[in-house]
Amino acid sequence: MPRIINPELCVSCGSCAEVCPVGAISAGEASYVINADECIDCGACEGTCPNEAISEA
């Protein structure tokens, strides 16, 4: 199941996008967002988020 980013917790630091091996994470209007169609569910992003804003969908 792809990961999602909670926009209320995301501080738009970009650490998750830097580690995504497939480029599924991009800057959104208010926070970063994960493209569910591109996400390979590797979990790399979840471990780098300083605010624990990323979780399984």
N, C-alpha and C. Protein backbone atom coordinates (compact mmCIF):
# COMPACT_ATOMS: atom_id res chain seq x y z
N MET A 1 0.84 -1.17 0.00
CA MET A 1 0.00 0.00 0.00
C MET A 1 0.89 1.24 0.00
N PRO A 2 0.64 2.19 -0.88
CA PRO A 2 1.49 3.40 -0.96
C PRO A 2 1.43 4.22 0.32
N ARG A 3 2.41 5.03 0.51
CA ARG A 3 2.47 5.93 1.66
C ARG A 3 1.70 7.22 1.34
N ILE A 4 1.30 7.94 2.40
CA ILE A 4 0.67 9.25 2.25
C ILE A 4 1.39 10.22 3.19
N ILE A 5 1.28 11.50 2.89
CA ILE A 5 1.87 12.54 3.74
C ILE A 5 0.74 13.33 4.37
N ASN A 6 0.78 13.45 5.68
CA ASN A 6 -0.21 14.24 6.41
C ASN A 6 0.19 15.71 6.27
N PRO A 7 -0.61 16.50 5.55
CA PRO A 7 -0.25 17.90 5.33
C PRO A 7 -0.20 18.74 6.60
N GLU A 8 -0.88 18.32 7.64
CA GLU A 8 -0.85 19.06 8.90
C GLU A 8 0.48 18.89 9.63
N LEU A 9 1.18 17.79 9.37
CA LEU A 9 2.46 17.53 10.02
C LEU A 9 3.66 17.89 9.15
N CYS A 10 3.46 17.92 7.84
CA CYS A 10 4.55 18.18 6.89
C CYS A 10 5.02 19.62 7.01
N VAL A 11 6.34 19.82 7.12
CA VAL A 11 6.92 21.16 7.19
C VAL A 11 7.62 21.54 5.88
N SER A 12 7.39 20.74 4.84
CA SER A 12 7.95 20.99 3.50
C SER A 12 9.46 21.10 3.50
N CYS A 13 10.13 20.22 4.24
CA CYS A 13 11.60 20.25 4.27
C CYS A 13 12.21 19.56 3.06
N GLY A 14 11.45 18.63 2.44
CA GLY A 14 11.93 17.96 1.24
C GLY A 14 12.81 16.75 1.47
N SER A 15 13.04 16.36 2.71
CA SER A 15 13.90 15.21 2.98
C SER A 15 13.34 13.94 2.37
N CYS A 16 12.03 13.81 2.33
CA CYS A 16 11.40 12.61 1.77
C CYS A 16 11.61 12.54 0.25
N ALA A 17 11.49 13.66 -0.41
CA ALA A 17 11.65 13.68 -1.87
C ALA A 17 13.09 13.36 -2.27
N GLU A 18 14.04 13.76 -1.45
CA GLU A 18 15.45 13.51 -1.75
C GLU A 18 15.79 12.03 -1.74
N VAL A 19 15.11 11.24 -0.92
CA VAL A 19 15.45 9.82 -0.80
C VAL A 19 14.56 8.88 -1.62
N CYS A 20 13.51 9.41 -2.23
CA CYS A 20 12.60 8.56 -3.00
C CYS A 20 13.32 8.03 -4.25
N PRO A 21 13.48 6.72 -4.38
CA PRO A 21 14.23 6.16 -5.50
C PRO A 21 13.51 6.25 -6.85
N VAL A 22 12.21 6.51 -6.84
CA VAL A 22 11.47 6.58 -8.10
C VAL A 22 10.90 7.96 -8.39
N GLY A 23 11.19 8.94 -7.54
CA GLY A 23 10.71 10.30 -7.77
C GLY A 23 9.21 10.47 -7.63
N ALA A 24 8.60 9.71 -6.73
CA ALA A 24 7.15 9.76 -6.56
C ALA A 24 6.68 10.89 -5.66
N ILE A 25 7.62 11.63 -5.06
CA ILE A 25 7.27 12.68 -4.12
C ILE A 25 7.63 14.04 -4.71
N SER A 26 6.68 14.97 -4.62
CA SER A 26 6.92 16.30 -5.15
C SER A 26 6.29 17.35 -4.24
N ALA A 27 6.73 18.59 -4.41
CA ALA A 27 6.21 19.69 -3.62
C ALA A 27 4.80 20.00 -4.08
N GLY A 28 3.89 20.03 -3.13
CA GLY A 28 2.52 20.39 -3.42
C GLY A 28 2.27 21.83 -3.01
N GLU A 29 1.04 22.22 -2.98
CA GLU A 29 0.69 23.60 -2.64
C GLU A 29 1.03 23.94 -1.19
N ALA A 30 0.66 23.06 -0.26
CA ALA A 30 0.89 23.33 1.15
C ALA A 30 1.87 22.37 1.80
N SER A 31 2.15 21.24 1.16
CA SER A 31 3.06 20.24 1.70
C SER A 31 3.54 19.37 0.55
N TYR A 32 4.42 18.44 0.86
CA TYR A 32 4.84 17.49 -0.17
C TYR A 32 3.75 16.45 -0.35
N VAL A 33 3.68 15.85 -1.54
CA VAL A 33 2.67 14.84 -1.83
C VAL A 33 3.34 13.63 -2.49
N ILE A 34 2.73 12.47 -2.29
CA ILE A 34 3.23 11.23 -2.88
C ILE A 34 2.26 10.78 -3.97
N ASN A 35 2.78 10.56 -5.16
CA ASN A 35 1.98 10.06 -6.26
C ASN A 35 1.79 8.56 -6.05
N ALA A 36 0.58 8.15 -5.72
CA ALA A 36 0.29 6.75 -5.39
C ALA A 36 0.56 5.81 -6.57
N ASP A 37 0.42 6.30 -7.79
CA ASP A 37 0.66 5.45 -8.96
C ASP A 37 2.14 5.17 -9.18
N GLU A 38 3.01 6.06 -8.67
CA GLU A 38 4.46 5.90 -8.85
C GLU A 38 5.14 5.28 -7.63
N CYS A 39 4.53 5.40 -6.47
CA CYS A 39 5.12 4.91 -5.22
C CYS A 39 5.29 3.39 -5.27
N ILE A 40 6.50 2.92 -4.91
CA ILE A 40 6.77 1.48 -4.90
C ILE A 40 6.71 0.91 -3.48
N ASP A 41 6.29 1.72 -2.52
CA ASP A 41 6.10 1.30 -1.13
C ASP A 41 7.37 0.75 -0.51
N CYS A 42 8.50 1.42 -0.76
CA CYS A 42 9.77 0.95 -0.19
C CYS A 42 9.99 1.43 1.24
N GLY A 43 9.31 2.54 1.63
CA GLY A 43 9.42 3.06 2.99
C GLY A 43 10.61 3.96 3.24
N ALA A 44 11.40 4.24 2.23
CA ALA A 44 12.59 5.09 2.42
C ALA A 44 12.21 6.47 2.92
N CYS A 45 11.12 7.00 2.43
CA CYS A 45 10.69 8.35 2.81
C CYS A 45 10.26 8.43 4.27
N GLU A 46 9.60 7.41 4.72
CA GLU A 46 9.04 7.41 6.07
C GLU A 46 10.13 7.58 7.13
N GLY A 47 11.26 6.95 6.92
CA GLY A 47 12.35 7.03 7.89
C GLY A 47 13.08 8.35 7.92
N THR A 48 12.92 9.15 6.89
CA THR A 48 13.65 10.43 6.83
C THR A 48 12.81 11.62 7.29
N CYS A 49 11.52 11.43 7.46
CA CYS A 49 10.64 12.55 7.83
C CYS A 49 10.86 12.92 9.30
N PRO A 50 11.26 14.17 9.57
CA PRO A 50 11.53 14.58 10.95
C PRO A 50 10.27 14.73 11.80
N ASN A 51 9.11 14.82 11.16
CA ASN A 51 7.86 15.03 11.91
C ASN A 51 6.92 13.84 11.87
N GLU A 52 7.39 12.73 11.36
CA GLU A 52 6.57 11.53 11.24
C GLU A 52 5.25 11.81 10.51
N ALA A 53 5.34 12.59 9.42
CA ALA A 53 4.16 12.96 8.65
C ALA A 53 3.79 11.93 7.60
N ILE A 54 4.64 10.91 7.41
CA ILE A 54 4.40 9.91 6.38
C ILE A 54 3.96 8.60 7.01
N SER A 55 2.89 8.02 6.45
CA SER A 55 2.38 6.75 6.96
C SER A 55 1.77 5.96 5.81
N GLU A 56 1.43 4.71 6.08
CA GLU A 56 0.77 3.90 5.07
C GLU A 56 -0.63 4.45 4.83
N ALA A 57 -1.06 4.38 3.57
CA ALA A 57 -2.40 4.90 3.20
C ALA A 57 -3.47 4.04 3.81
